[in-house]
Amino acid sequence: MTENDKNLISVIIPLYNAEKYLKNCITSVVGQTYRNLEIILVDDGSTDESNTNALAEVEREHFTEYKLVRQENKGLGEARNTGVDYANGEWIVFIDSDDTIQKDAIEKLLKNAISNSCD
């Protein structure tokens, strides 16, 4: 994909006590065929080591840059809204911290959005 690589996509991942899932989630985002991504992690008041151990492991393995925003627990909707406040992308994708996505998922979403004139 070359023509659309200019479209920055903000990937927002709210997390709350997601230590055992977070590495797999971020790894699936980092491994995307579409590369112009901004990863925004919103720690919604986790009480586990989601924002330390899991992220340190991802950093070591992938040398990945991301934004980490911490807030007191406000719930999933507010965590997503906080992520939107920090997003710079022309497009926004939400991924739950206990989910993974196929390696071409974002590329396919962007192609479909553009070909169908989505806003």
N, C-alpha and C. Protein backbone atom coordinates (compact mmCIF):
# COMPACT_ATOMS: atom_id res chain seq x y z
N MET A 1 0.86 -1.18 0.00
CA MET A 1 0.00 0.00 0.00
C MET A 1 0.89 1.23 0.00
N THR A 2 0.75 2.07 -1.01
CA THR A 2 1.62 3.25 -1.08
C THR A 2 0.84 4.55 -1.08
N GLU A 3 -0.16 4.64 -1.91
CA GLU A 3 -0.94 5.87 -2.03
C GLU A 3 -1.58 6.27 -0.71
N ASN A 4 -2.06 5.31 0.05
CA ASN A 4 -2.78 5.62 1.27
C ASN A 4 -1.90 5.64 2.52
N ASP A 5 -0.60 5.35 2.36
CA ASP A 5 0.27 5.36 3.52
C ASP A 5 0.38 6.73 4.17
N LYS A 6 -0.08 7.76 3.50
CA LYS A 6 -0.03 9.11 4.08
C LYS A 6 -1.10 9.30 5.14
N ASN A 7 -2.13 8.46 5.16
CA ASN A 7 -3.21 8.60 6.14
C ASN A 7 -2.76 8.06 7.49
N LEU A 8 -2.57 8.97 8.45
CA LEU A 8 -2.23 8.53 9.80
C LEU A 8 -3.48 7.96 10.44
N ILE A 9 -3.33 6.78 11.03
CA ILE A 9 -4.44 6.13 11.72
C ILE A 9 -4.08 6.04 13.19
N SER A 10 -4.96 6.56 14.03
CA SER A 10 -4.78 6.47 15.47
C SER A 10 -5.46 5.19 15.96
N VAL A 11 -4.68 4.35 16.61
CA VAL A 11 -5.20 3.12 17.18
C VAL A 11 -5.31 3.34 18.69
N ILE A 12 -6.52 3.35 19.19
CA ILE A 12 -6.77 3.62 20.60
C ILE A 12 -7.08 2.31 21.30
N ILE A 13 -6.29 2.05 22.34
CA ILE A 13 -6.45 0.81 23.11
C ILE A 13 -6.68 1.19 24.57
N PRO A 14 -7.93 1.16 25.02
CA PRO A 14 -8.19 1.37 26.44
C PRO A 14 -7.75 0.13 27.21
N LEU A 15 -7.15 0.33 28.37
CA LEU A 15 -6.77 -0.84 29.14
C LEU A 15 -7.11 -0.66 30.61
N TYR A 16 -7.59 -1.74 31.16
CA TYR A 16 -7.87 -1.81 32.58
C TYR A 16 -7.55 -3.23 33.04
N ASN A 17 -6.53 -3.36 33.84
CA ASN A 17 -6.10 -4.66 34.35
C ASN A 17 -5.96 -5.69 33.21
N ALA A 18 -5.20 -5.31 32.22
CA ALA A 18 -5.06 -6.14 31.02
C ALA A 18 -3.66 -6.72 30.86
N GLU A 19 -2.95 -6.83 31.94
CA GLU A 19 -1.55 -7.24 31.86
C GLU A 19 -1.35 -8.53 31.07
N LYS A 20 -2.19 -9.53 31.29
CA LYS A 20 -1.96 -10.82 30.62
C LYS A 20 -2.37 -10.82 29.15
N TYR A 21 -3.06 -9.81 28.67
CA TYR A 21 -3.50 -9.75 27.27
C TYR A 21 -2.77 -8.69 26.45
N LEU A 22 -2.26 -7.68 27.10
CA LEU A 22 -1.79 -6.48 26.41
C LEU A 22 -0.68 -6.74 25.41
N LYS A 23 0.27 -7.60 25.76
CA LYS A 23 1.38 -7.88 24.84
C LYS A 23 0.86 -8.42 23.51
N ASN A 24 -0.05 -9.38 23.54
CA ASN A 24 -0.59 -9.95 22.31
C ASN A 24 -1.36 -8.90 21.51
N CYS A 25 -2.10 -8.06 22.20
CA CYS A 25 -2.86 -7.02 21.52
C CYS A 25 -1.94 -6.06 20.78
N ILE A 26 -0.96 -5.52 21.50
CA ILE A 26 -0.05 -4.55 20.88
C ILE A 26 0.78 -5.19 19.78
N THR A 27 1.20 -6.42 19.99
CA THR A 27 1.97 -7.13 18.97
C THR A 27 1.16 -7.24 17.68
N SER A 28 -0.14 -7.49 17.79
CA SER A 28 -0.97 -7.59 16.58
C SER A 28 -1.11 -6.24 15.89
N VAL A 29 -1.05 -5.16 16.64
CA VAL A 29 -1.13 -3.82 16.04
C VAL A 29 0.21 -3.46 15.39
N VAL A 30 1.29 -3.71 16.08
CA VAL A 30 2.62 -3.40 15.57
C VAL A 30 2.92 -4.19 14.30
N GLY A 31 2.37 -5.37 14.17
CA GLY A 31 2.62 -6.22 13.01
C GLY A 31 1.74 -5.95 11.81
N GLN A 32 1.02 -4.86 11.81
CA GLN A 32 0.12 -4.55 10.69
C GLN A 32 0.86 -4.29 9.39
N THR A 33 0.24 -4.66 8.28
CA THR A 33 0.81 -4.37 6.97
C THR A 33 0.75 -2.88 6.68
N TYR A 34 -0.20 -2.18 7.24
CA TYR A 34 -0.28 -0.73 7.13
C TYR A 34 0.55 -0.16 8.26
N ARG A 35 1.49 0.71 7.95
CA ARG A 35 2.50 1.12 8.92
C ARG A 35 2.31 2.51 9.52
N ASN A 36 1.52 3.37 8.93
CA ASN A 36 1.42 4.74 9.42
C ASN A 36 0.41 4.81 10.56
N LEU A 37 0.84 4.31 11.71
CA LEU A 37 -0.05 4.18 12.86
C LEU A 37 0.49 4.96 14.05
N GLU A 38 -0.43 5.47 14.81
CA GLU A 38 -0.12 6.08 16.10
C GLU A 38 -0.88 5.24 17.12
N ILE A 39 -0.16 4.70 18.11
CA ILE A 39 -0.78 3.85 19.12
C ILE A 39 -0.98 4.67 20.39
N ILE A 40 -2.22 4.71 20.85
CA ILE A 40 -2.56 5.44 22.06
C ILE A 40 -3.15 4.46 23.06
N LEU A 41 -2.47 4.31 24.18
CA LEU A 41 -2.93 3.43 25.25
C LEU A 41 -3.50 4.29 26.36
N VAL A 42 -4.72 3.99 26.76
CA VAL A 42 -5.35 4.75 27.83
C VAL A 42 -5.53 3.82 29.02
N ASP A 43 -4.69 4.03 30.04
CA ASP A 43 -4.78 3.23 31.26
C ASP A 43 -5.87 3.83 32.12
N ASP A 44 -6.96 3.09 32.23
CA ASP A 44 -8.15 3.56 32.94
C ASP A 44 -8.12 3.14 34.41
N GLY A 45 -7.03 3.51 35.09
CA GLY A 45 -6.94 3.22 36.52
C GLY A 45 -6.61 1.78 36.86
N SER A 46 -5.80 1.13 36.04
CA SER A 46 -5.44 -0.27 36.30
C SER A 46 -4.81 -0.43 37.68
N THR A 47 -5.10 -1.57 38.29
CA THR A 47 -4.49 -1.90 39.58
C THR A 47 -3.48 -3.02 39.44
N ASP A 48 -3.31 -3.55 38.22
CA ASP A 48 -2.28 -4.57 37.99
C ASP A 48 -1.06 -3.89 37.37
N GLU A 49 -0.22 -4.65 36.73
CA GLU A 49 1.00 -4.12 36.14
C GLU A 49 0.85 -3.88 34.63
N SER A 50 -0.36 -3.62 34.16
CA SER A 50 -0.61 -3.41 32.73
C SER A 50 0.30 -2.35 32.14
N ASN A 51 0.46 -1.26 32.86
CA ASN A 51 1.19 -0.14 32.27
C ASN A 51 2.68 -0.16 32.61
N THR A 52 3.18 -1.24 33.18
CA THR A 52 4.61 -1.32 33.43
C THR A 52 5.20 -2.59 32.83
N ASN A 53 4.91 -3.74 33.42
CA ASN A 53 5.52 -4.99 32.95
C ASN A 53 5.19 -5.30 31.50
N ALA A 54 3.93 -5.29 31.16
CA ALA A 54 3.51 -5.65 29.81
C ALA A 54 4.08 -4.67 28.78
N LEU A 55 4.04 -3.39 29.08
CA LEU A 55 4.55 -2.40 28.14
C LEU A 55 6.07 -2.47 28.00
N ALA A 56 6.76 -2.72 29.08
CA ALA A 56 8.21 -2.85 29.02
C ALA A 56 8.61 -4.02 28.11
N GLU A 57 7.87 -5.10 28.20
CA GLU A 57 8.15 -6.27 27.36
C GLU A 57 7.91 -5.94 25.89
N VAL A 58 6.83 -5.24 25.59
CA VAL A 58 6.54 -4.85 24.21
C VAL A 58 7.63 -3.91 23.69
N GLU A 59 8.05 -2.96 24.50
CA GLU A 59 9.10 -2.04 24.09
C GLU A 59 10.40 -2.78 23.76
N ARG A 60 10.76 -3.73 24.60
CA ARG A 60 11.99 -4.50 24.37
C ARG A 60 11.92 -5.29 23.07
N GLU A 61 10.78 -5.89 22.79
CA GLU A 61 10.66 -6.77 21.63
C GLU A 61 10.43 -6.03 20.32
N HIS A 62 9.73 -4.90 20.37
CA HIS A 62 9.31 -4.25 19.13
C HIS A 62 9.84 -2.84 18.95
N PHE A 63 10.48 -2.27 19.95
CA PHE A 63 10.96 -0.89 19.88
C PHE A 63 9.85 0.04 19.41
N THR A 64 8.68 -0.16 19.97
CA THR A 64 7.48 0.53 19.53
C THR A 64 7.27 1.83 20.28
N GLU A 65 6.94 2.87 19.54
CA GLU A 65 6.56 4.13 20.17
C GLU A 65 5.05 4.13 20.36
N TYR A 66 4.62 4.70 21.45
CA TYR A 66 3.19 4.81 21.73
C TYR A 66 3.00 5.95 22.72
N LYS A 67 1.78 6.40 22.80
CA LYS A 67 1.41 7.38 23.82
C LYS A 67 0.70 6.61 24.93
N LEU A 68 1.09 6.88 26.16
CA LEU A 68 0.42 6.27 27.31
C LEU A 68 -0.23 7.39 28.10
N VAL A 69 -1.54 7.30 28.24
CA VAL A 69 -2.30 8.28 29.00
C VAL A 69 -2.87 7.56 30.21
N ARG A 70 -2.64 8.12 31.38
CA ARG A 70 -3.18 7.51 32.60
C ARG A 70 -4.31 8.38 33.13
N GLN A 71 -5.34 7.72 33.60
CA GLN A 71 -6.45 8.45 34.23
C GLN A 71 -7.07 7.56 35.31
N GLU A 72 -7.83 8.18 36.19
CA GLU A 72 -8.54 7.38 37.18
C GLU A 72 -9.63 6.61 36.46
N ASN A 73 -10.08 5.54 37.07
CA ASN A 73 -11.06 4.68 36.43
C ASN A 73 -12.36 5.43 36.16
N LYS A 74 -12.71 5.50 34.86
CA LYS A 74 -13.94 6.18 34.43
C LYS A 74 -14.78 5.29 33.53
N GLY A 75 -14.28 4.12 33.20
CA GLY A 75 -15.02 3.21 32.34
C GLY A 75 -14.53 3.24 30.91
N LEU A 76 -14.95 2.22 30.16
CA LEU A 76 -14.49 2.03 28.79
C LEU A 76 -14.81 3.21 27.88
N GLY A 77 -16.03 3.71 27.94
CA GLY A 77 -16.42 4.82 27.06
C GLY A 77 -15.57 6.06 27.28
N GLU A 78 -15.34 6.39 28.54
CA GLU A 78 -14.52 7.56 28.85
C GLU A 78 -13.07 7.35 28.46
N ALA A 79 -12.58 6.12 28.62
CA ALA A 79 -11.21 5.82 28.21
C ALA A 79 -11.07 6.01 26.69
N ARG A 80 -12.04 5.56 25.94
CA ARG A 80 -12.01 5.78 24.48
C ARG A 80 -12.06 7.26 24.15
N ASN A 81 -12.93 8.00 24.83
CA ASN A 81 -13.02 9.44 24.59
C ASN A 81 -11.70 10.14 24.91
N THR A 82 -11.04 9.72 25.97
CA THR A 82 -9.74 10.28 26.30
C THR A 82 -8.75 10.01 25.17
N GLY A 83 -8.77 8.79 24.65
CA GLY A 83 -7.90 8.46 23.52
C GLY A 83 -8.15 9.35 22.32
N VAL A 84 -9.40 9.62 22.04
CA VAL A 84 -9.75 10.50 20.92
C VAL A 84 -9.17 11.89 21.14
N ASP A 85 -9.19 12.36 22.38
CA ASP A 85 -8.63 13.68 22.69
C ASP A 85 -7.15 13.76 22.34
N TYR A 86 -6.44 12.66 22.40
CA TYR A 86 -5.00 12.63 22.13
C TYR A 86 -4.68 12.21 20.69
N ALA A 87 -5.67 11.82 19.92
CA ALA A 87 -5.45 11.29 18.58
C ALA A 87 -5.13 12.39 17.57
N ASN A 88 -4.19 12.09 16.68
CA ASN A 88 -3.81 12.99 15.60
C ASN A 88 -4.16 12.43 14.23
N GLY A 89 -4.64 11.21 14.19
CA GLY A 89 -4.88 10.54 12.92
C GLY A 89 -6.10 11.06 12.16
N GLU A 90 -6.09 10.81 10.87
CA GLU A 90 -7.24 11.12 10.03
C GLU A 90 -8.35 10.09 10.25
N TRP A 91 -7.96 8.93 10.75
CA TRP A 91 -8.88 7.84 11.04
C TRP A 91 -8.58 7.33 12.44
N ILE A 92 -9.59 6.76 13.08
CA ILE A 92 -9.43 6.21 14.42
C ILE A 92 -9.95 4.78 14.42
N VAL A 93 -9.16 3.90 15.04
CA VAL A 93 -9.55 2.50 15.21
C VAL A 93 -9.48 2.21 16.70
N PHE A 94 -10.53 1.60 17.24
CA PHE A 94 -10.56 1.17 18.63
C PHE A 94 -10.32 -0.33 18.69
N ILE A 95 -9.41 -0.73 19.57
CA ILE A 95 -9.16 -2.15 19.78
C ILE A 95 -9.15 -2.38 21.29
N ASP A 96 -9.90 -3.36 21.74
CA ASP A 96 -9.91 -3.68 23.17
C ASP A 96 -8.61 -4.39 23.53
N SER A 97 -8.14 -4.16 24.73
CA SER A 97 -6.83 -4.66 25.15
C SER A 97 -6.74 -6.18 25.24
N ASP A 98 -7.87 -6.85 25.26
CA ASP A 98 -7.84 -8.32 25.30
C ASP A 98 -8.12 -8.93 23.92
N ASP A 99 -8.06 -8.11 22.88
CA ASP A 99 -8.28 -8.58 21.51
C ASP A 99 -7.00 -8.49 20.69
N THR A 100 -6.97 -9.26 19.61
CA THR A 100 -5.91 -9.15 18.61
C THR A 100 -6.58 -8.97 17.26
N ILE A 101 -5.82 -8.44 16.30
CA ILE A 101 -6.37 -8.25 14.96
C ILE A 101 -5.45 -8.91 13.94
N GLN A 102 -6.04 -9.30 12.81
CA GLN A 102 -5.27 -9.90 11.74
C GLN A 102 -4.30 -8.87 11.17
N LYS A 103 -3.19 -9.35 10.62
CA LYS A 103 -2.11 -8.44 10.21
C LYS A 103 -2.48 -7.46 9.11
N ASP A 104 -3.54 -7.72 8.35
CA ASP A 104 -3.95 -6.78 7.30
C ASP A 104 -5.27 -6.09 7.64
N ALA A 105 -5.71 -6.17 8.88
CA ALA A 105 -7.02 -5.63 9.26
C ALA A 105 -7.12 -4.13 9.02
N ILE A 106 -6.13 -3.38 9.46
CA ILE A 106 -6.21 -1.92 9.31
C ILE A 106 -6.10 -1.52 7.85
N GLU A 107 -5.25 -2.18 7.11
CA GLU A 107 -5.13 -1.90 5.67
C GLU A 107 -6.48 -2.13 4.97
N LYS A 108 -7.13 -3.24 5.28
CA LYS A 108 -8.44 -3.54 4.68
C LYS A 108 -9.49 -2.52 5.09
N LEU A 109 -9.51 -2.15 6.37
CA LEU A 109 -10.47 -1.14 6.83
C LEU A 109 -10.28 0.18 6.09
N LEU A 110 -9.03 0.61 5.95
CA LEU A 110 -8.76 1.87 5.28
C LEU A 110 -9.14 1.81 3.81
N LYS A 111 -8.78 0.73 3.13
CA LYS A 111 -9.15 0.59 1.71
C LYS A 111 -10.65 0.66 1.53
N ASN A 112 -11.40 -0.05 2.38
CA ASN A 112 -12.87 -0.03 2.29
C ASN A 112 -13.43 1.34 2.61
N ALA A 113 -12.89 2.00 3.60
CA ALA A 113 -13.38 3.33 3.96
C ALA A 113 -13.17 4.31 2.82
N ILE A 114 -11.99 4.27 2.20
CA ILE A 114 -11.70 5.18 1.09
C ILE A 114 -12.53 4.84 -0.14
N SER A 115 -12.61 3.57 -0.49
CA SER A 115 -13.35 3.17 -1.70
C SER A 115 -14.85 3.42 -1.56
N ASN A 116 -15.35 3.47 -0.34
CA ASN A 116 -16.77 3.74 -0.13
C ASN A 116 -17.04 5.19 0.30
N SER A 117 -16.04 6.04 0.16
CA SER A 117 -16.15 7.47 0.47
C SER A 117 -16.68 7.72 1.89
N CYS A 118 -16.19 6.94 2.83
CA CYS A 118 -16.59 7.14 4.23
C CYS A 118 -15.88 8.37 4.79
N ASP A 119 -16.52 8.95 5.79
CA ASP A 119 -15.85 10.08 6.44
C ASP A 119 -15.52 9.75 7.87
